[in-house]
Amino acid sequence: MKSKKRILIFNPYYSESKRTAANTCFEKLFENVHLFTDDCTLIASCSRVPEWLRVDSVNLISVKFTGSISERLWSFITTSF
């Protein structure tokens, strides 16, 4: 039975065009969390969901993470609510 909790997964460095080890580990984490809940949202700087991500439906919030650390933190706080 899947949980009803909403989970936000935040990765400002994730890119849909790169197949690096860090991106692969992040995708595995996202896929494993998605096994426990359907309401799982990805917050990243990518513009689309990669085709190799093995999840049926992905909620994507695309945010530009440029600027100072305080601007990036503010972007994360506003997207969380």
Protein backbone atom coordinates (compact mmCIF):
# COMPACT_ATOMS: atom_id res chain seq x y z
CA MET A 1 0.00 0.00 0.00
CA LYS A 2 1.39 3.37 -1.02
CA SER A 3 1.58 6.33 1.30
CA LYS A 4 -0.49 9.49 0.77
CA LYS A 5 2.36 11.80 1.79
CA ARG A 6 3.71 14.37 -0.63
CA ILE A 7 7.45 14.14 -1.15
CA LEU A 8 9.57 16.85 -2.77
CA ILE A 9 12.96 15.81 -4.11
CA PHE A 10 15.30 18.70 -4.77
CA ASN A 11 18.43 18.51 -6.93
CA PRO A 12 19.67 21.78 -8.46
CA TYR A 13 22.46 20.00 -10.34
CA TYR A 14 20.35 17.34 -12.08
CA SER A 15 20.45 17.48 -15.88
CA GLU A 16 18.32 15.43 -18.26
CA SER A 17 21.02 15.48 -20.94
CA LYS A 18 23.91 14.03 -18.90
CA ARG A 19 24.32 10.38 -17.90
CA THR A 20 26.76 10.82 -15.03
CA ALA A 21 27.13 8.58 -11.99
CA ALA A 22 25.63 11.26 -9.74
CA ASN A 23 22.58 11.63 -12.00
CA THR A 24 22.15 7.85 -12.16
CA CYS A 25 22.25 7.59 -8.35
CA PHE A 26 19.72 10.41 -8.08
CA GLU A 27 17.41 8.69 -10.59
CA LYS A 28 17.61 5.43 -8.62
CA LEU A 29 16.72 7.32 -5.43
CA PHE A 30 13.75 8.98 -7.17
CA GLU A 31 12.54 5.65 -8.56
CA ASN A 32 12.79 3.96 -5.15
CA VAL A 33 10.94 6.77 -3.38
CA HIS A 34 8.26 6.62 -6.07
CA LEU A 35 7.58 3.00 -5.04
CA PHE A 36 6.24 4.27 -1.70
CA THR A 37 4.15 7.23 -2.85
CA ASP A 38 2.60 8.49 -6.07
CA ASP A 39 2.78 12.15 -5.03
CA CYS A 40 6.49 12.60 -5.63
CA THR A 41 7.69 15.88 -7.13
CA LEU A 42 11.08 16.51 -8.71
CA ILE A 43 12.48 20.03 -8.34
CA ALA A 44 15.44 20.49 -10.67
CA SER A 45 16.92 22.75 -13.29
CA CYS A 46 15.98 20.41 -16.15
CA SER A 47 13.31 21.44 -18.62
CA ARG A 48 11.80 18.01 -19.24
CA VAL A 49 11.67 14.57 -17.68
CA PRO A 50 14.28 12.26 -19.22
CA GLU A 51 12.96 9.31 -21.18
CA TRP A 52 15.16 6.84 -19.31
CA LEU A 53 13.56 7.60 -15.92
CA ARG A 54 11.48 4.49 -15.15
CA VAL A 55 8.55 6.16 -13.39
CA ASP A 56 5.02 6.30 -14.80
CA SER A 57 4.22 9.90 -13.95
CA VAL A 58 6.58 12.58 -12.71
CA ASN A 59 5.63 16.00 -11.37
CA LEU A 60 8.42 18.33 -12.47
CA ILE A 61 9.05 21.83 -11.18
CA SER A 62 11.68 23.43 -13.35
CA VAL A 63 13.61 26.18 -11.59
CA LYS A 64 16.64 28.15 -12.72
CA PHE A 65 19.33 27.88 -10.07
CA THR A 66 21.58 30.77 -10.91
CA GLY A 67 22.79 33.56 -8.74
CA SER A 68 23.84 33.66 -5.14
CA ILE A 69 23.18 31.01 -2.53
CA SER A 70 20.47 33.15 -0.93
CA GLU A 71 18.63 33.45 -4.29
CA ARG A 72 18.81 29.68 -4.79
CA LEU A 73 17.56 29.09 -1.25
CA TRP A 74 14.68 31.51 -1.83
CA SER A 75 13.78 29.63 -5.05
CA PHE A 76 13.66 26.38 -3.12
CA ILE A 77 11.50 27.87 -0.35
CA THR A 78 8.99 29.36 -2.79
CA THR A 79 8.68 26.13 -4.79
CA SER A 80 8.19 24.12 -1.60
CA PHE A 81 5.00 26.01 -0.79
